[in-house]
PDB file of N, CA and C in Angstrom:
ATOM      1  N   MET A   1      13.642  -0.279   6.326  1.00  0.00           N
ATOM      2  CA  MET A   1      12.034  -0.819   7.045  1.00  0.00           C
ATOM      3  C   MET A   1      11.608   0.808   7.119  1.00  0.00           C
ATOM      4  N   PHE A   2      10.524   0.214   6.368  1.00  0.00           N
ATOM      5  CA  PHE A   2       9.725   1.117   5.744  1.00  0.00           C
ATOM      6  C   PHE A   2       8.649   1.121   7.031  1.00  0.00           C
ATOM      7  N   LYS A   3       8.160   2.267   7.506  1.00  0.00           N
ATOM      8  CA  LYS A   3       6.939   1.806   8.240  1.00  0.00           C
ATOM      9  C   LYS A   3       5.273   2.954   7.726  1.00  0.00           C
ATOM     10  N   LEU A   4       4.580   1.933   8.218  1.00  0.00           N
ATOM     11  CA  LEU A   4       2.998   2.832   7.697  1.00  0.00           C
ATOM     12  C   LEU A   4       1.836   2.984   9.199  1.00  0.00           C
ATOM     13  N   ASN A   5       2.292   4.616   8.548  1.00  0.00           N
ATOM     14  CA  ASN A   5       0.901   4.528  10.566  1.00  0.00           C
ATOM     15  C   ASN A   5      -0.113   5.052   9.408  1.00  0.00           C
ATOM     16  N   GLU A   6      -0.808   3.780   9.316  1.00  0.00           N
ATOM     17  CA  GLU A   6      -2.825   4.211   8.891  1.00  0.00           C
ATOM     18  C   GLU A   6      -3.491   5.065   8.961  1.00  0.00           C
ATOM     19  N   ALA A   7      -3.254   5.464  10.657  1.00  0.00           N
ATOM     20  CA  ALA A   7      -4.261   5.799  11.285  1.00  0.00           C
ATOM     21  C   ALA A   7      -3.437   7.859  11.113  1.00  0.00           C
ATOM     22  N   GLN A   8      -2.715   7.836  11.155  1.00  0.00           N
ATOM     23  CA  GLN A   8      -1.443   9.298  10.824  1.00  0.00           C
ATOM     24  C   GLN A   8      -1.887   9.673   9.423  1.00  0.00           C
ATOM     25  N   ALA A   9      -1.775   9.081   8.494  1.00  0.00           N
ATOM     26  CA  ALA A   9      -1.343   8.712   7.289  1.00  0.00           C
ATOM     27  C   ALA A   9      -0.289   8.753   6.967  1.00  0.00           C
ATOM     28  N   ARG A  10       0.665   8.343   7.776  1.00  0.00           N
ATOM     29  CA  ARG A  10       2.171   8.002   7.274  1.00  0.00           C
ATOM     30  C   ARG A  10       2.921   7.593   7.200  1.00  0.00           C
ATOM     31  N   GLN A  11       3.585   7.510   6.019  1.00  0.00           N
ATOM     32  CA  GLN A  11       4.931   6.472   5.700  1.00  0.00           C
ATOM     33  C   GLN A  11       6.642   7.276   5.905  1.00  0.00           C
ATOM     34  N   THR A  12       7.386   6.072   6.302  1.00  0.00           N
ATOM     35  CA  THR A  12       8.557   6.889   6.535  1.00  0.00           C
ATOM     36  C   THR A  12      10.140   5.261   6.672  1.00  0.00           C
ATOM     37  N   ARG A  13      10.556   6.104   6.225  1.00  0.00           N
ATOM     38  CA  ARG A  13      11.835   5.085   5.084  1.00  0.00           C
ATOM     39  C   ARG A  13      12.264   5.296   6.522  1.00  0.00           C
ATOM     40  N   ALA A  14      13.589   4.558   7.610  1.00  0.00           N
ATOM     41  CA  ALA A  14      14.491   5.117   8.550  1.00  0.00           C
ATOM     42  C   ALA A  14      13.950   6.413   9.281  1.00  0.00           C
ATOM     43  N   GLY A  15      13.022   6.191   9.907  1.00  0.00           N
ATOM     44  CA  GLY A  15      12.423   7.375  10.832  1.00  0.00           C
ATOM     45  C   GLY A  15      12.143   8.845   8.659  1.00  0.00           C
ATOM     46  N   GLN A  16      12.770   9.152   8.088  1.00  0.00           N
ATOM     47  CA  GLN A  16      12.108   9.666   7.429  1.00  0.00           C
ATOM     48  C   GLN A  16      11.208   9.729   6.635  1.00  0.00           C
ATOM     49  N   PRO A  17      10.466  11.191   6.602  1.00  0.00           N
ATOM     50  CA  PRO A  17       8.914  10.567   5.947  1.00  0.00           C
ATOM     51  C   PRO A  17       8.719  10.619   4.727  1.00  0.00           C
ATOM     52  N   VAL A  18       8.232   9.868   3.835  1.00  0.00           N
ATOM     53  CA  VAL A  18       8.204   9.600   2.746  1.00  0.00           C
ATOM     54  C   VAL A  18       6.665   9.828   2.115  1.00  0.00           C
ATOM     55  N   ALA A  19       6.843  10.698   0.999  1.00  0.00           N
ATOM     56  CA  ALA A  19       5.884  10.728  -0.037  1.00  0.00           C
ATOM     57  C   ALA A  19       5.052  10.116  -0.326  1.00  0.00           C
ATOM     58  N   VAL A  20       3.718  10.046  -0.466  1.00  0.00           N
ATOM     59  CA  VAL A  20       3.193   9.775  -1.397  1.00  0.00           C
ATOM     60  C   VAL A  20       1.572   9.914  -0.815  1.00  0.00           C
ATOM     61  N   PRO A  21       1.103  10.365  -2.349  1.00  0.00           N
ATOM     62  CA  PRO A  21       0.231  10.972  -2.893  1.00  0.00           C
ATOM     63  C   PRO A  21      -1.465   9.966  -1.880  1.00  0.00           C
ATOM     64  N   PRO A  22      -1.851  10.782  -1.588  1.00  0.00           N
ATOM     65  CA  PRO A  22      -3.394  10.203  -0.831  1.00  0.00           C
ATOM     66  C   PRO A  22      -4.109   8.864  -1.356  1.00  0.00           C
ATOM     67  N   LYS A  23      -4.799   8.684  -2.926  1.00  0.00           N
ATOM     68  CA  LYS A  23      -5.591   7.806  -3.318  1.00  0.00           C
ATOM     69  C   LYS A  23      -4.565   6.490  -3.133  1.00  0.00           C
ATOM     70  N   ALA A  24      -2.512   6.828  -3.657  1.00  0.00           N
ATOM     71  CA  ALA A  24      -1.852   5.906  -3.711  1.00  0.00           C
ATOM     72  C   ALA A  24      -1.439   5.660  -1.824  1.00  0.00           C
ATOM     73  N   PHE A  25      -1.870   5.982  -1.318  1.00  0.00           N
ATOM     74  CA  PHE A  25      -1.962   5.704   0.263  1.00  0.00           C
ATOM     75  C   PHE A  25      -2.844   4.672   0.915  1.00  0.00           C
ATOM     76  N   GLY A  26      -3.662   5.131   0.048  1.00  0.00           N
ATOM     77  CA  GLY A  26      -4.724   4.215   0.521  1.00  0.00           C
ATOM     78  C   GLY A  26      -4.411   2.671   0.393  1.00  0.00           C
ATOM     79  N   GLN A  27      -4.201   2.789  -1.372  1.00  0.00           N
ATOM     80  CA  GLN A  27      -4.064   1.579  -1.866  1.00  0.00           C
ATOM     81  C   GLN A  27      -2.796   0.312  -1.136  1.00  0.00           C
ATOM     82  N   LEU A  28      -2.276   1.299  -0.685  1.00  0.00           N
ATOM     83  CA  LEU A  28      -0.615   0.658   0.095  1.00  0.00           C
ATOM     84  C   LEU A  28      -1.205  -0.088   1.509  1.00  0.00           C
ATOM     85  N   CYS A  29      -2.464   0.957   2.523  1.00  0.00           N
ATOM     86  CA  CYS A  29      -2.694   0.218   2.753  1.00  0.00           C
ATOM     87  C   CYS A  29      -3.005  -0.963   3.607  1.00  0.00           C
ATOM     88  N   ALA A  30      -4.177  -0.650   2.142  1.00  0.00           N
ATOM     89  CA  ALA A  30      -5.097  -2.299   1.604  1.00  0.00           C
ATOM     90  C   ALA A  30      -3.883  -2.990   1.772  1.00  0.00           C
ATOM     91  N   LEU A  31      -2.849  -2.901   0.427  1.00  0.00           N
ATOM     92  CA  LEU A  31      -2.241  -4.220   0.510  1.00  0.00           C
ATOM     93  C   LEU A  31      -1.204  -4.756   1.837  1.00  0.00           C
ATOM     94  N   GLY A  32      -0.982  -3.712   2.616  1.00  0.00           N
ATOM     95  CA  GLY A  32      -0.665  -3.596   3.894  1.00  0.00           C
ATOM     96  C   GLY A  32      -0.964  -5.109   4.912  1.00  0.00           C
ATOM     97  N   ARG A  33      -2.409  -4.746   4.504  1.00  0.00           N
ATOM     98  CA  ARG A  33      -3.713  -5.187   5.823  1.00  0.00           C
ATOM     99  C   ARG A  33      -3.371  -6.791   4.994  1.00  0.00           C
ATOM    100  N   GLN A  34      -3.249  -6.908   4.075  1.00  0.00           N
ATOM    101  CA  GLN A  34      -3.103  -8.205   3.788  1.00  0.00           C
ATOM    102  C   GLN A  34      -2.546  -8.831   2.821  1.00  0.00           C
ATOM    103  N   PRO A  35      -0.811  -8.560   4.219  1.00  0.00           N
ATOM    104  CA  PRO A  35      -0.085  -9.295   3.533  1.00  0.00           C
ATOM    105  C   PRO A  35       0.486 -10.985   2.542  1.00  0.00           C
ATOM    106  N   GLY A  36       0.691 -10.970   1.192  1.00  0.00           N
ATOM    107  CA  GLY A  36       1.143 -12.210   0.639  1.00  0.00           C
ATOM    108  C   GLY A  36      -0.097 -13.003  -0.343  1.00  0.00           C
ATOM    109  N   GLN A  37      -0.874 -12.104   0.200  1.00  0.00           N
ATOM    110  CA  GLN A  37      -2.338 -13.030   0.198  1.00  0.00           C
ATOM    111  C   GLN A  37      -2.929 -11.256  -1.514  1.00  0.00           C
ATOM    112  N   LEU A  38      -3.482 -12.528  -2.368  1.00  0.00           N
ATOM    113  CA  LEU A  38      -4.067 -11.031  -3.807  1.00  0.00           C
ATOM    114  C   LEU A  38      -4.717 -10.546  -3.579  1.00  0.00           C
ATOM    115  N   LEU A  39      -5.066  -9.664  -4.158  1.00  0.00           N
ATOM    116  CA  LEU A  39      -6.176  -8.286  -3.727  1.00  0.00           C
ATOM    117  C   LEU A  39      -6.652  -8.233  -5.205  1.00  0.00           C
ATOM    118  N   ALA A  40      -8.071  -9.033  -5.726  1.00  0.00           N
ATOM    119  CA  ALA A  40      -8.609  -7.981  -7.017  1.00  0.00           C
ATOM    120  C   ALA A  40      -8.598  -6.915  -7.155  1.00  0.00           C
ATOM    121  N   LYS A  41      -8.431  -6.681  -8.154  1.00  0.00           N
ATOM    122  CA  LYS A  41      -8.937  -5.253  -8.497  1.00  0.00           C
ATOM    123  C   LYS A  41     -10.017  -4.503  -8.178  1.00  0.00           C
ATOM    124  N   ASP A  42     -11.771  -5.463  -8.341  1.00  0.00           N
ATOM    125  CA  ASP A  42     -12.375  -4.605  -7.156  1.00  0.00           C
ATOM    126  C   ASP A  42     -12.694  -4.571  -6.291  1.00  0.00           C
ATOM    127  N   ALA A  43     -11.553  -5.215  -5.360  1.00  0.00           N
ATOM    128  CA  ALA A  43     -11.229  -5.215  -4.136  1.00  0.00           C
ATOM    129  C   ALA A  43     -10.997  -3.516  -3.636  1.00  0.00           C
ATOM    130  N   LEU A  44      -9.899  -3.563  -4.182  1.00  0.00           N
ATOM    131  CA  LEU A  44      -8.935  -2.568  -4.400  1.00  0.00           C
ATOM    132  C   LEU A  44      -9.687  -1.200  -4.768  1.00  0.00           C
ATOM    133  N   LEU A  45     -10.398  -0.851  -5.486  1.00  0.00           N
ATOM    134  CA  LEU A  45     -10.538   0.005  -5.641  1.00  0.00           C
ATOM    135  C   LEU A  45     -12.237  -0.329  -4.939  1.00  0.00           C
ATOM    136  N   ASN A  46     -12.888  -0.495  -4.119  1.00  0.00           N
ATOM    137  CA  ASN A  46     -13.881  -0.728  -3.659  1.00  0.00           C
ATOM    138  C   ASN A  46     -12.930   0.299  -2.655  1.00  0.00           C
ATOM    139  N   ALA A  47     -11.780  -0.504  -1.396  1.00  0.00           N
ATOM    140  CA  ALA A  47     -11.246  -0.254  -0.399  1.00  0.00           C
ATOM    141  C   ALA A  47     -11.210   1.521  -0.570  1.00  0.00           C
ATOM    142  N   VAL A  48     -10.456   1.673  -1.986  1.00  0.00           N
ATOM    143  CA  VAL A  48      -9.641   2.793  -1.685  1.00  0.00           C
ATOM    144  C   VAL A  48     -10.317   3.766  -2.750  1.00  0.00           C
ATOM    145  N   TRP A  49     -11.513   3.487  -3.134  1.00  0.00           N
ATOM    146  CA  TRP A  49     -12.087   4.637  -4.023  1.00  0.00           C
ATOM    147  C   TRP A  49     -13.382   4.407  -3.772  1.00  0.00           C
ATOM    148  N   GLY A  50     -13.714   3.505  -2.802  1.00  0.00           N
ATOM    149  CA  GLY A  50     -15.556   3.137  -2.681  1.00  0.00           C
ATOM    150  C   GLY A  50     -16.275   2.837  -3.692  1.00  0.00           C
ATOM    151  N   HIS A  51     -17.307   3.365  -4.058  1.00  0.00           N
ATOM    152  CA  HIS A  51     -17.491   2.756  -4.612  1.00  0.00           C
ATOM    153  C   HIS A  51     -18.763   3.452  -5.621  1.00  0.00           C
ATOM    154  N   ARG A  52     -17.859   4.516  -5.480  1.00  0.00           N
ATOM    155  CA  ARG A  52     -17.596   5.651  -7.471  1.00  0.00           C
ATOM    156  C   ARG A  52     -16.918   4.454  -8.337  1.00  0.00           C
ATOM    157  N   TRP A  53     -17.628   4.955  -9.741  1.00  0.00           N
ATOM    158  CA  TRP A  53     -17.291   4.185 -10.447  1.00  0.00           C
ATOM    159  C   TRP A  53     -15.777   4.949 -11.063  1.00  0.00           C
ATOM    160  N   VAL A  54     -14.735   4.003 -11.244  1.00  0.00           N
ATOM    161  CA  VAL A  54     -13.574   4.510 -11.827  1.00  0.00           C
ATOM    162  C   VAL A  54     -13.152   3.716 -12.713  1.00  0.00           C
ATOM    163  N   SER A  55     -12.665   3.569 -13.492  1.00  0.00           N
ATOM    164  CA  SER A  55     -11.620   2.279 -14.673  1.00  0.00           C
ATOM    165  C   SER A  55      -9.840   1.642 -14.135  1.00  0.00           C
ATOM    166  N   ASP A  56     -10.064   0.665 -14.362  1.00  0.00           N
ATOM    167  CA  ASP A  56      -8.838  -0.015 -13.453  1.00  0.00           C
ATOM    168  C   ASP A  56      -8.055   1.041 -14.579  1.00  0.00           C
ATOM    169  N   SER A  57      -7.255   1.625 -14.844  1.00  0.00           N
ATOM    170  CA  SER A  57      -5.770   2.469 -14.676  1.00  0.00           C
ATOM    171  C   SER A  57      -5.934   3.460 -13.519  1.00  0.00           C
ATOM    172  N   VAL A  58      -6.529   3.215 -13.018  1.00  0.00           N
ATOM    173  CA  VAL A  58      -6.176   4.190 -11.461  1.00  0.00           C
ATOM    174  C   VAL A  58      -5.594   3.581 -10.840  1.00  0.00           C
ATOM    175  N   LEU A  59      -5.580   2.322 -10.731  1.00  0.00           N
ATOM    176  CA  LEU A  59      -5.177   2.252 -10.588  1.00  0.00           C
ATOM    177  C   LEU A  59      -3.457   1.210 -10.634  1.00  0.00           C
ATOM    178  N   LYS A  60      -3.076   1.609 -12.165  1.00  0.00           N
ATOM    179  CA  LYS A  60      -2.103   1.233 -12.479  1.00  0.00           C
ATOM    180  C   LYS A  60      -1.150   2.740 -12.438  1.00  0.00           C
ATOM    181  N   THR A  61      -2.084   3.427 -12.624  1.00  0.00           N
ATOM    182  CA  THR A  61      -1.670   4.967 -11.700  1.00  0.00           C
ATOM    183  C   THR A  61      -0.925   4.488 -10.314  1.00  0.00           C
ATOM    184  N   THR A  62      -1.501   4.730  -9.756  1.00  0.00           N
ATOM    185  CA  THR A  62      -0.938   4.174  -8.231  1.00  0.00           C
ATOM    186  C   THR A  62      -0.308   3.250  -7.579  1.00  0.00           C
ATOM    187  N   VAL A  63      -0.412   2.289  -8.210  1.00  0.00           N
ATOM    188  CA  VAL A  63       0.573   1.561  -7.682  1.00  0.00           C
ATOM    189  C   VAL A  63       2.646   1.839  -8.845  1.00  0.00           C
ATOM    190  N   SER A  64       2.095   2.829  -9.835  1.00  0.00           N
ATOM    191  CA  SER A  64       3.934   3.522 -10.183  1.00  0.00           C
ATOM    192  C   SER A  64       3.689   4.390  -9.399  1.00  0.00           C
ATOM    193  N   GLU A  65       2.932   5.273  -8.501  1.00  0.00           N
ATOM    194  CA  GLU A  65       3.442   5.695  -7.368  1.00  0.00           C
ATOM    195  C   GLU A  65       4.062   5.051  -6.824  1.00  0.00           C
ATOM    196  N   LEU A  66       2.888   4.178  -6.286  1.00  0.00           N
ATOM    197  CA  LEU A  66       3.764   3.422  -4.776  1.00  0.00           C
ATOM    198  C   LEU A  66       5.694   2.656  -5.787  1.00  0.00           C
ATOM    199  N   TYR A  67       5.531   2.265  -6.570  1.00  0.00           N
ATOM    200  CA  TYR A  67       6.688   2.223  -6.483  1.00  0.00           C
ATOM    201  C   TYR A  67       7.841   3.022  -6.341  1.00  0.00           C
ATOM    202  N   VAL A  68       7.181   4.222  -7.276  1.00  0.00           N
ATOM    203  CA  VAL A  68       8.236   5.145  -6.829  1.00  0.00           C
ATOM    204  C   VAL A  68       8.732   6.220  -5.056  1.00  0.00           C
ATOM    205  N   ALA A  69       7.451   5.769  -4.845  1.00  0.00           N
ATOM    206  CA  ALA A  69       7.302   6.618  -3.651  1.00  0.00           C
ATOM    207  C   ALA A  69       8.159   5.885  -2.739  1.00  0.00           C
ATOM    208  N   LEU A  70       8.846   3.752  -3.143  1.00  0.00           N
ATOM    209  CA  LEU A  70       8.459   2.847  -2.466  1.00  0.00           C
ATOM    210  C   LEU A  70      10.333   2.585  -3.025  1.00  0.00           C
ATOM    211  N   GLY A  71      10.449   3.000  -4.043  1.00  0.00           N
ATOM    212  CA  GLY A  71      11.859   2.721  -4.989  1.00  0.00           C
ATOM    213  C   GLY A  71      11.902   1.279  -4.766  1.00  0.00           C
ATOM    214  N   ASP A  72      10.522   1.140  -5.239  1.00  0.00           N
ATOM    215  CA  ASP A  72      10.570  -0.419  -6.241  1.00  0.00           C
ATOM    216  C   ASP A  72      10.287  -0.687  -7.208  1.00  0.00           C
ATOM    217  N   ASP A  73      10.684  -1.221  -8.316  1.00  0.00           N
ATOM    218  CA  ASP A  73      10.906  -1.696  -9.406  1.00  0.00           C
ATOM    219  C   ASP A  73      10.657  -3.190 -10.215  1.00  0.00           C
ATOM    220  N   ALA A  74       9.219  -3.080 -11.001  1.00  0.00           N
ATOM    221  CA  ALA A  74       8.060  -3.186 -11.234  1.00  0.00           C
ATOM    222  C   ALA A  74       8.433  -4.896 -11.378  1.00  0.00           C
ATOM    223  N   CYS A  75       9.762  -4.635 -12.790  1.00  0.00           N
ATOM    224  CA  CYS A  75      10.091  -5.759 -12.993  1.00  0.00           C
ATOM    225  C   CYS A  75      11.179  -7.078 -12.140  1.00  0.00           C
ATOM    226  N   GLN A  76      11.396  -6.441 -11.027  1.00  0.00           N
ATOM    227  CA  GLN A  76      11.762  -7.608 -10.069  1.00  0.00           C
ATOM    228  C   GLN A  76      11.380  -7.192  -8.616  1.00  0.00           C
ATOM    229  N   PRO A  77       9.832  -6.674  -8.241  1.00  0.00           N
ATOM    230  CA  PRO A  77       9.635  -5.671  -6.947  1.00  0.00           C
ATOM    231  C   PRO A  77       9.575  -7.024  -5.646  1.00  0.00           C
ATOM    232  N   ARG A  78       9.904  -5.703  -4.825  1.00  0.00           N
ATOM    233  CA  ARG A  78      10.141  -5.967  -3.680  1.00  0.00           C
ATOM    234  C   ARG A  78       9.119  -5.526  -2.760  1.00  0.00           C
ATOM    235  N   PHE A  79       8.440  -4.898  -2.760  1.00  0.00           N
ATOM    236  CA  PHE A  79       7.310  -4.744  -1.986  1.00  0.00           C
ATOM    237  C   PHE A  79       5.362  -5.508  -2.477  1.00  0.00           C
ATOM    238  N   ILE A  80       5.058  -4.623  -3.813  1.00  0.00           N
ATOM    239  CA  ILE A  80       4.394  -4.743  -4.121  1.00  0.00           C
ATOM    240  C   ILE A  80       4.700  -5.579  -6.086  1.00  0.00           C
ATOM    241  N   LYS A  81       3.480  -6.621  -5.770  1.00  0.00           N
ATOM    242  CA  LYS A  81       3.505  -7.148  -7.196  1.00  0.00           C
ATOM    243  C   LYS A  81       2.173  -7.340  -8.383  1.00  0.00           C
ATOM    244  N   THR A  82       2.365  -6.717  -9.140  1.00  0.00           N
ATOM    245  CA  THR A  82       1.323  -6.928 -10.349  1.00  0.00           C
ATOM    246  C   THR A  82       0.814  -9.387 -10.447  1.00  0.00           C
ATOM    247  N   VAL A  83      -0.748  -8.568 -10.094  1.00  0.00           N
ATOM    248  CA  VAL A  83      -1.229 -10.211 -10.846  1.00  0.00           C
ATOM    249  C   VAL A  83      -1.520  -9.871 -12.155  1.00  0.00           C
ATOM    250  N   SER A  84      -1.072  -9.995 -13.879  1.00  0.00           N
ATOM    251  CA  SER A  84      -1.608  -9.986 -14.666  1.00  0.00           C
ATOM    252  C   SER A  84      -2.972  -9.740 -14.195  1.00  0.00           C
ATOM    253  N   ARG A  85      -4.094  -9.313 -15.127  1.00  0.00           N
ATOM    254  CA  ARG A  85      -5.525  -8.663 -15.103  1.00  0.00           C
ATOM    255  C   ARG A  85      -6.554  -9.261 -14.154  1.00  0.00           C
ATOM    256  N   ARG A  86      -5.671  -9.564 -12.493  1.00  0.00           N
ATOM    257  CA  ARG A  86      -6.191  -9.795 -11.147  1.00  0.00           C
ATOM    258  C   ARG A  86      -6.285  -9.039 -10.063  1.00  0.00           C
ATOM    259  N   GLY A  87      -4.731  -8.289 -10.437  1.00  0.00           N
ATOM    260  CA  GLY A  87      -5.167  -7.766  -8.767  1.00  0.00           C
ATOM    261  C   GLY A  87      -3.531  -7.334  -8.147  1.00  0.00           C
ATOM    262  N   TYR A  88      -3.279  -7.375  -7.433  1.00  0.00           N
ATOM    263  CA  TYR A  88      -1.634  -6.962  -6.535  1.00  0.00           C
ATOM    264  C   TYR A  88      -2.196  -8.069  -5.655  1.00  0.00           C
ATOM    265  N   ARG A  89      -0.223  -7.796  -5.010  1.00  0.00           N
ATOM    266  CA  ARG A  89      -0.031  -8.789  -4.055  1.00  0.00           C
ATOM    267  C   ARG A  89       1.181  -7.944  -3.083  1.00  0.00           C
ATOM    268  N   PHE A  90       0.229  -7.356  -1.803  1.00  0.00           N
ATOM    269  CA  PHE A  90       1.689  -7.063  -1.377  1.00  0.00           C
ATOM    270  C   PHE A  90       3.679  -8.199  -0.593  1.00  0.00           C
ATOM    271  N   LEU A  91       3.954  -8.035  -1.040  1.00  0.00           N
ATOM    272  CA  LEU A  91       4.970  -9.045  -0.884  1.00  0.00           C
ATOM    273  C   LEU A  91       5.967  -8.760   0.554  1.00  0.00           C
ATOM    274  N   ALA A  92       6.186  -7.677   0.329  1.00  0.00           N
ATOM    275  CA  ALA A  92       6.722  -7.547   2.009  1.00  0.00           C
ATOM    276  C   ALA A  92       6.373  -8.407   3.392  1.00  0.00           C
ATOM    277  N   ALA A  93       7.348  -8.727   4.056  1.00  0.00           N
ATOM    278  CA  ALA A  93       6.855  -9.522   5.577  1.00  0.00           C
ATOM    279  C   ALA A  93       6.581  -7.845   6.057  1.00  0.00           C
ATOM    280  N   ALA A  94       5.267  -7.676   6.869  1.00  0.00           N
ATOM    281  CA  ALA A  94       4.111  -7.124   7.599  1.00  0.00           C
ATOM    282  C   ALA A  94       4.209  -6.790   8.718  1.00  0.00           C
ATOM    283  N   VAL A  95       4.529  -6.020   9.733  1.00  0.00           N
ATOM    284  CA  VAL A  95       4.170  -6.584  10.976  1.00  0.00           C
ATOM    285  C   VAL A  95       3.513  -4.994  12.102  1.00  0.00           C
ATOM    286  N   ARG A  96       2.907  -6.147  12.528  1.00  0.00           N
ATOM    287  CA  ARG A  96       1.688  -5.176  13.411  1.00  0.00           C
ATOM    288  C   ARG A  96       2.271  -5.133  14.481  1.00  0.00           C
ATOM    289  N   VAL A  97       2.168  -3.410  15.214  1.00  0.00           N
ATOM    290  CA  VAL A  97       3.430  -3.088  15.852  1.00  0.00           C
ATOM    291  C   VAL A  97       2.183  -2.094  17.024  1.00  0.00           C
ATOM    292  N   ARG A  98       1.878  -3.082  18.337  1.00  0.00           N
ATOM    293  CA  ARG A  98       0.855  -2.657  19.159  1.00  0.00           C
ATOM    294  C   ARG A  98       1.792  -1.476  19.867  1.00  0.00           C
ATOM    295  N   VAL A  99       0.781   0.282  20.269  1.00  0.00           N
ATOM    296  CA  VAL A  99       1.172   1.080  20.738  1.00  0.00           C
ATOM    297  C   VAL A  99       0.523   1.570  21.736  1.00  0.00           C
ATOM    298  N   PRO A 100       0.833   2.751  22.553  1.00  0.00           N
ATOM    299  CA  PRO A 100      -0.095   2.573  23.711  1.00  0.00           C
ATOM    300  C   PRO A 100      -1.830   3.356  22.603  1.00  0.00           C
ATOM    301  N   MET A 101      -2.540   3.243  23.340  1.00  0.00           N
ATOM    302  CA  MET A 101      -4.322   4.114  22.927  1.00  0.00           C
ATOM    303  C   MET A 101      -3.597   5.599  22.135  1.00  0.00           C
ATOM    304  N   SER A 102      -2.852   5.655  23.357  1.00  0.00           N
ATOM    305  CA  SER A 102      -1.987   7.455  22.028  1.00  0.00           C
ATOM    306  C   SER A 102      -2.033   7.524  21.007  1.00  0.00           C
ATOM    307  N   ALA A 103      -1.042   6.880  20.346  1.00  0.00           N
ATOM    308  CA  ALA A 103      -0.547   6.467  19.636  1.00  0.00           C
ATOM    309  C   ALA A 103      -1.275   5.530  18.338  1.00  0.00           C
ATOM    310  N   ALA A 104      -0.360   5.957  17.360  1.00  0.00           N
ATOM    311  CA  ALA A 104      -1.953   4.630  15.890  1.00  0.00           C
ATOM    312  C   ALA A 104      -1.146   2.935  16.199  1.00  0.00           C
ATOM    313  N   ALA A 105      -1.528   1.722  15.584  1.00  0.00           N
ATOM    314  CA  ALA A 105      -0.557   1.239  15.196  1.00  0.00           C
ATOM    315  C   ALA A 105       0.519   1.753  14.390  1.00  0.00           C
ATOM    316  N   ASP A 106       1.793   0.806  14.055  1.00  0.00           N
ATOM    317  CA  ASP A 106       2.917   0.843  12.805  1.00  0.00           C
ATOM    318  C   ASP A 106       2.495  -0.027  11.666  1.00  0.00           C
ATOM    319  N   THR A 107       2.585  -0.432  11.160  1.00  0.00           N
ATOM    320  CA  THR A 107       2.703  -1.878  10.270  1.00  0.00           C
ATOM    321  C   THR A 107       3.608  -1.268   9.094  1.00  0.00           C
ATOM    322  N   ALA A 108       5.238  -2.254   9.679  1.00  0.00           N
ATOM    323  CA  ALA A 108       6.324  -2.256   9.201  1.00  0.00           C
ATOM    324  C   ALA A 108       6.925  -3.625   7.993  1.00  0.00           C
ATOM    325  N   ALA A 109       7.178  -2.860   7.082  1.00  0.00           N
ATOM    326  CA  ALA A 109       8.133  -3.450   6.245  1.00  0.00           C
ATOM    327  C   ALA A 109       8.852  -3.395   5.418  1.00  0.00           C
TER     328      ALA A 109
END
């Protein structure tokens, strides 16, 4: 099981840290907030890169980084599915865990 702690910018698997590049982490957070829903390319670009102009190719690059970090396979995805020419969908069930105010909420996948 993966745990995503957005507030602390931390991803773990079985309690061990998983290295995820910053923009890829931002994209993972955006996808993880809406599991099962299609996130259009423009929505992801705005969520992660703000209003700066970047091409769609950055999404492909960060998704590739996420496949590596999560041990996912683009041909048989378990976590992130590419919806051709439209966007991406987070496939794993996400569970929001409530923690005391002193710690940030984790999302498990």
